[in-house]
Amino acid sequence: MGKFFNRLVKTLVIEDFKDTQCGFKLFRGDMARSLFKEAQVDRFAYDVEILAIAKKRGKRIVEVPITWINSPESRVSPIRDSFQMLGDLLKIRITIGKTGKK
């Protein structure tokens, strides 16, 4: 499911990141406040929206490899959440547009 979502992200919104969904993001405080103030998505695709907003504003974004261990408490409903994520991606595409390569 994650790989399919990643393909949708690259097709619809932002094509130049290996992983938008890790959930581990680091921002300067002022930058985070500014980006999240503009954001509208508050579910799984919020990462994509934040990256798309930052990229559209011309902000420097760097991917840094980390070791990630999934939480056993994390739950995704394959049907409900898939439709929600697709809807969120379409919403991001409409409001922000698609961003190109770095």
N, C-alpha and C. Protein backbone atom coordinates (compact mmCIF):
# COMPACT_ATOMS: atom_id res chain seq x y z
N MET A 1 0.82 -1.18 0.00
CA MET A 1 0.00 0.00 0.00
C MET A 1 0.88 1.26 0.00
N GLY A 2 1.97 1.22 0.76
CA GLY A 2 2.87 2.36 0.83
C GLY A 2 3.52 2.68 -0.50
N LYS A 3 3.93 1.65 -1.23
CA LYS A 3 4.58 1.87 -2.53
C LYS A 3 3.60 2.44 -3.55
N PHE A 4 2.35 1.96 -3.49
CA PHE A 4 1.33 2.48 -4.40
C PHE A 4 1.05 3.95 -4.08
N PHE A 5 0.94 4.27 -2.80
CA PHE A 5 0.70 5.66 -2.40
C PHE A 5 1.86 6.54 -2.85
N ASN A 6 3.09 6.06 -2.69
CA ASN A 6 4.26 6.81 -3.12
C ASN A 6 4.19 7.11 -4.61
N ARG A 7 3.74 6.15 -5.40
CA ARG A 7 3.61 6.34 -6.85
C ARG A 7 2.55 7.42 -7.14
N LEU A 8 1.44 7.38 -6.40
CA LEU A 8 0.40 8.41 -6.56
C LEU A 8 0.94 9.79 -6.21
N VAL A 9 1.70 9.87 -5.12
CA VAL A 9 2.30 11.14 -4.71
C VAL A 9 3.16 11.69 -5.83
N LYS A 10 4.01 10.84 -6.39
CA LYS A 10 4.91 11.28 -7.46
C LYS A 10 4.15 11.70 -8.72
N THR A 11 3.06 11.01 -9.00
CA THR A 11 2.26 11.31 -10.19
C THR A 11 1.43 12.57 -10.02
N LEU A 12 0.84 12.74 -8.85
CA LEU A 12 -0.12 13.82 -8.66
C LEU A 12 0.45 15.10 -8.05
N VAL A 13 1.45 14.98 -7.17
CA VAL A 13 1.82 16.17 -6.39
C VAL A 13 3.29 16.53 -6.46
N ILE A 14 4.14 15.67 -5.95
CA ILE A 14 5.55 16.04 -5.78
C ILE A 14 6.41 14.84 -6.16
N GLU A 15 7.23 15.02 -7.18
CA GLU A 15 7.89 13.87 -7.77
C GLU A 15 9.33 13.63 -7.33
N ASP A 16 9.90 14.48 -6.54
CA ASP A 16 11.34 14.35 -6.32
C ASP A 16 11.75 13.95 -4.91
N PHE A 17 10.94 13.15 -4.24
CA PHE A 17 11.30 12.63 -2.93
C PHE A 17 11.16 11.12 -2.91
N LYS A 18 12.10 10.46 -2.25
CA LYS A 18 12.03 9.00 -2.15
C LYS A 18 10.94 8.57 -1.18
N ASP A 19 10.78 9.33 -0.08
CA ASP A 19 9.81 8.93 0.94
C ASP A 19 9.21 10.18 1.58
N THR A 20 7.96 10.44 1.28
CA THR A 20 7.28 11.58 1.89
C THR A 20 6.56 11.16 3.16
N GLN A 21 6.41 9.88 3.41
CA GLN A 21 5.54 9.39 4.47
C GLN A 21 6.25 8.89 5.72
N CYS A 22 7.53 9.06 5.83
CA CYS A 22 8.25 8.54 6.99
C CYS A 22 7.66 9.07 8.30
N GLY A 23 7.21 10.29 8.30
CA GLY A 23 6.64 10.86 9.52
C GLY A 23 7.68 11.57 10.38
N PHE A 24 8.93 11.42 10.05
CA PHE A 24 10.01 12.07 10.78
C PHE A 24 10.45 13.29 9.98
N LYS A 25 10.07 14.47 10.45
CA LYS A 25 10.42 15.71 9.77
C LYS A 25 11.05 16.66 10.79
N LEU A 26 11.95 17.47 10.33
CA LEU A 26 12.61 18.45 11.20
C LEU A 26 12.53 19.81 10.51
N PHE A 27 12.03 20.79 11.25
CA PHE A 27 11.87 22.15 10.73
C PHE A 27 12.43 23.14 11.73
N ARG A 28 12.84 24.29 11.23
CA ARG A 28 13.05 25.43 12.13
C ARG A 28 11.67 25.84 12.63
N GLY A 29 11.58 26.34 13.84
CA GLY A 29 10.30 26.69 14.44
C GLY A 29 9.48 27.66 13.61
N ASP A 30 10.13 28.74 13.15
CA ASP A 30 9.40 29.73 12.36
C ASP A 30 8.90 29.16 11.05
N MET A 31 9.68 28.30 10.44
CA MET A 31 9.29 27.68 9.18
C MET A 31 8.12 26.73 9.40
N ALA A 32 8.18 25.93 10.44
CA ALA A 32 7.09 24.99 10.74
C ALA A 32 5.79 25.74 10.98
N ARG A 33 5.84 26.79 11.78
CA ARG A 33 4.62 27.57 12.05
C ARG A 33 4.03 28.13 10.77
N SER A 34 4.88 28.63 9.90
CA SER A 34 4.43 29.21 8.64
C SER A 34 3.81 28.16 7.72
N LEU A 35 4.47 27.03 7.57
CA LEU A 35 3.97 25.96 6.69
C LEU A 35 2.68 25.36 7.22
N PHE A 36 2.65 25.02 8.50
CA PHE A 36 1.48 24.37 9.06
C PHE A 36 0.29 25.32 9.15
N LYS A 37 0.54 26.61 9.22
CA LYS A 37 -0.55 27.59 9.23
C LYS A 37 -1.30 27.55 7.90
N GLU A 38 -0.59 27.29 6.83
CA GLU A 38 -1.19 27.25 5.49
C GLU A 38 -1.81 25.89 5.17
N ALA A 39 -1.36 24.85 5.84
CA ALA A 39 -1.79 23.48 5.53
C ALA A 39 -3.26 23.26 5.84
N GLN A 40 -3.89 22.38 5.05
CA GLN A 40 -5.30 22.04 5.23
C GLN A 40 -5.52 20.56 5.54
N VAL A 41 -4.57 19.71 5.21
CA VAL A 41 -4.72 18.27 5.38
C VAL A 41 -4.22 17.88 6.77
N ASP A 42 -5.01 17.06 7.48
CA ASP A 42 -4.58 16.66 8.82
C ASP A 42 -4.57 15.15 9.02
N ARG A 43 -4.51 14.40 7.94
CA ARG A 43 -4.44 12.94 8.04
C ARG A 43 -3.11 12.48 7.44
N PHE A 44 -3.09 11.28 6.88
CA PHE A 44 -1.84 10.67 6.42
C PHE A 44 -1.10 11.49 5.37
N ALA A 45 -1.78 12.25 4.57
CA ALA A 45 -1.13 12.98 3.48
C ALA A 45 -0.62 14.36 3.91
N TYR A 46 -0.66 14.66 5.20
CA TYR A 46 -0.19 15.99 5.63
C TYR A 46 1.28 16.19 5.27
N ASP A 47 2.07 15.12 5.33
CA ASP A 47 3.49 15.21 4.98
C ASP A 47 3.67 15.72 3.55
N VAL A 48 2.86 15.16 2.65
CA VAL A 48 2.94 15.53 1.24
C VAL A 48 2.60 17.01 1.08
N GLU A 49 1.54 17.45 1.75
CA GLU A 49 1.14 18.85 1.63
C GLU A 49 2.22 19.80 2.15
N ILE A 50 2.78 19.48 3.30
CA ILE A 50 3.82 20.34 3.88
C ILE A 50 5.03 20.43 2.95
N LEU A 51 5.46 19.30 2.41
CA LEU A 51 6.59 19.30 1.47
C LEU A 51 6.25 20.08 0.20
N ALA A 52 5.03 19.92 -0.30
CA ALA A 52 4.63 20.63 -1.52
C ALA A 52 4.59 22.14 -1.29
N ILE A 53 4.07 22.54 -0.14
CA ILE A 53 4.03 23.98 0.18
C ILE A 53 5.46 24.53 0.27
N ALA A 54 6.32 23.83 0.99
CA ALA A 54 7.71 24.28 1.15
C ALA A 54 8.41 24.34 -0.20
N LYS A 55 8.21 23.33 -1.03
CA LYS A 55 8.85 23.31 -2.35
C LYS A 55 8.34 24.47 -3.21
N LYS A 56 7.04 24.69 -3.18
CA LYS A 56 6.46 25.77 -3.98
C LYS A 56 7.00 27.13 -3.53
N ARG A 57 7.28 27.28 -2.25
CA ARG A 57 7.85 28.53 -1.72
C ARG A 57 9.35 28.63 -1.99
N GLY A 58 9.95 27.59 -2.56
CA GLY A 58 11.37 27.62 -2.86
C GLY A 58 12.26 27.33 -1.67
N LYS A 59 11.73 26.69 -0.66
CA LYS A 59 12.51 26.37 0.54
C LYS A 59 13.44 25.20 0.27
N ARG A 60 14.56 25.21 0.92
CA ARG A 60 15.54 24.13 0.80
C ARG A 60 15.04 22.93 1.60
N ILE A 61 14.97 21.78 0.93
CA ILE A 61 14.51 20.55 1.57
C ILE A 61 15.57 19.48 1.33
N VAL A 62 15.94 18.79 2.38
CA VAL A 62 16.97 17.76 2.29
C VAL A 62 16.42 16.47 2.87
N GLU A 63 16.57 15.37 2.14
CA GLU A 63 16.21 14.06 2.67
C GLU A 63 17.47 13.46 3.29
N VAL A 64 17.32 13.01 4.51
CA VAL A 64 18.43 12.40 5.24
C VAL A 64 18.00 11.00 5.65
N PRO A 65 18.77 9.97 5.30
CA PRO A 65 18.37 8.61 5.66
C PRO A 65 18.36 8.41 7.18
N ILE A 66 17.35 7.70 7.66
CA ILE A 66 17.27 7.34 9.07
C ILE A 66 16.83 5.88 9.17
N THR A 67 16.98 5.31 10.34
CA THR A 67 16.44 3.98 10.60
C THR A 67 15.11 4.17 11.29
N TRP A 68 14.05 3.62 10.71
CA TRP A 68 12.70 3.81 11.23
C TRP A 68 12.14 2.46 11.66
N ILE A 69 11.55 2.43 12.83
CA ILE A 69 10.89 1.22 13.32
C ILE A 69 9.42 1.54 13.49
N ASN A 70 8.56 0.82 12.76
CA ASN A 70 7.13 1.07 12.83
C ASN A 70 6.57 0.73 14.20
N SER A 71 5.61 1.51 14.62
CA SER A 71 4.93 1.27 15.89
C SER A 71 3.88 0.20 15.71
N PRO A 72 3.84 -0.81 16.58
CA PRO A 72 2.80 -1.84 16.46
C PRO A 72 1.40 -1.29 16.72
N GLU A 73 1.29 -0.14 17.38
CA GLU A 73 -0.01 0.47 17.65
C GLU A 73 -0.56 1.23 16.44
N SER A 74 0.28 1.49 15.45
CA SER A 74 -0.15 2.23 14.27
C SER A 74 -1.14 1.39 13.47
N ARG A 75 -2.26 1.98 13.11
CA ARG A 75 -3.29 1.27 12.36
C ARG A 75 -3.71 2.05 11.12
N VAL A 76 -3.80 1.34 10.01
CA VAL A 76 -4.29 1.91 8.77
C VAL A 76 -5.40 1.02 8.27
N SER A 77 -6.53 1.61 7.96
CA SER A 77 -7.63 0.87 7.36
C SER A 77 -7.42 0.90 5.85
N PRO A 78 -7.10 -0.23 5.23
CA PRO A 78 -6.76 -0.23 3.80
C PRO A 78 -7.81 0.41 2.90
N ILE A 79 -9.07 0.20 3.17
CA ILE A 79 -10.10 0.76 2.29
C ILE A 79 -10.40 2.21 2.65
N ARG A 80 -10.82 2.47 3.87
CA ARG A 80 -11.21 3.82 4.28
C ARG A 80 -10.04 4.80 4.12
N ASP A 81 -8.88 4.44 4.66
CA ASP A 81 -7.74 5.36 4.62
C ASP A 81 -7.20 5.55 3.21
N SER A 82 -7.29 4.54 2.36
CA SER A 82 -6.84 4.69 0.97
C SER A 82 -7.66 5.74 0.24
N PHE A 83 -8.99 5.69 0.41
CA PHE A 83 -9.84 6.70 -0.22
C PHE A 83 -9.56 8.09 0.35
N GLN A 84 -9.36 8.16 1.66
CA GLN A 84 -9.06 9.44 2.31
C GLN A 84 -7.75 10.01 1.77
N MET A 85 -6.72 9.16 1.65
CA MET A 85 -5.42 9.63 1.16
C MET A 85 -5.52 10.08 -0.29
N LEU A 86 -6.25 9.35 -1.13
CA LEU A 86 -6.41 9.75 -2.52
C LEU A 86 -7.12 11.10 -2.60
N GLY A 87 -8.18 11.25 -1.82
CA GLY A 87 -8.88 12.53 -1.78
C GLY A 87 -7.98 13.67 -1.33
N ASP A 88 -7.16 13.40 -0.32
CA ASP A 88 -6.23 14.43 0.16
C ASP A 88 -5.20 14.79 -0.91
N LEU A 89 -4.70 13.80 -1.64
CA LEU A 89 -3.73 14.09 -2.71
C LEU A 89 -4.37 14.95 -3.80
N LEU A 90 -5.60 14.63 -4.15
CA LEU A 90 -6.29 15.43 -5.17
C LEU A 90 -6.52 16.86 -4.67
N LYS A 91 -6.86 17.00 -3.40
CA LYS A 91 -7.05 18.33 -2.80
C LYS A 91 -5.74 19.13 -2.85
N ILE A 92 -4.63 18.48 -2.51
CA ILE A 92 -3.32 19.13 -2.55
C ILE A 92 -2.98 19.54 -3.98
N ARG A 93 -3.22 18.64 -4.92
CA ARG A 93 -2.92 18.92 -6.33
C ARG A 93 -3.71 20.14 -6.82
N ILE A 94 -4.98 20.24 -6.41
CA ILE A 94 -5.83 21.35 -6.83
C ILE A 94 -5.38 22.66 -6.17
N THR A 95 -5.08 22.62 -4.87
CA THR A 95 -4.77 23.86 -4.16
C THR A 95 -3.32 24.32 -4.34
N ILE A 96 -2.39 23.38 -4.49
CA ILE A 96 -0.98 23.75 -4.58
C ILE A 96 -0.40 23.51 -5.96
N GLY A 97 -0.87 22.47 -6.62
CA GLY A 97 -0.33 22.11 -7.93
C GLY A 97 0.73 21.04 -7.79
N LYS A 98 1.34 20.69 -8.89
CA LYS A 98 2.40 19.67 -8.89
C LYS A 98 3.73 20.38 -8.93
N THR A 99 4.66 19.90 -8.09
CA THR A 99 6.01 20.50 -8.09
C THR A 99 6.94 19.59 -8.85
N GLY A 100 7.92 20.18 -9.50
CA GLY A 100 8.85 19.42 -10.33
C GLY A 100 10.08 18.98 -9.60
N LYS A 101 11.06 18.59 -10.37
CA LYS A 101 12.31 18.09 -9.84
C LYS A 101 13.05 19.17 -9.06
N LYS A 102 13.95 18.72 -8.16
CA LYS A 102 14.76 19.63 -7.34
C LYS A 102 15.61 20.50 -8.23
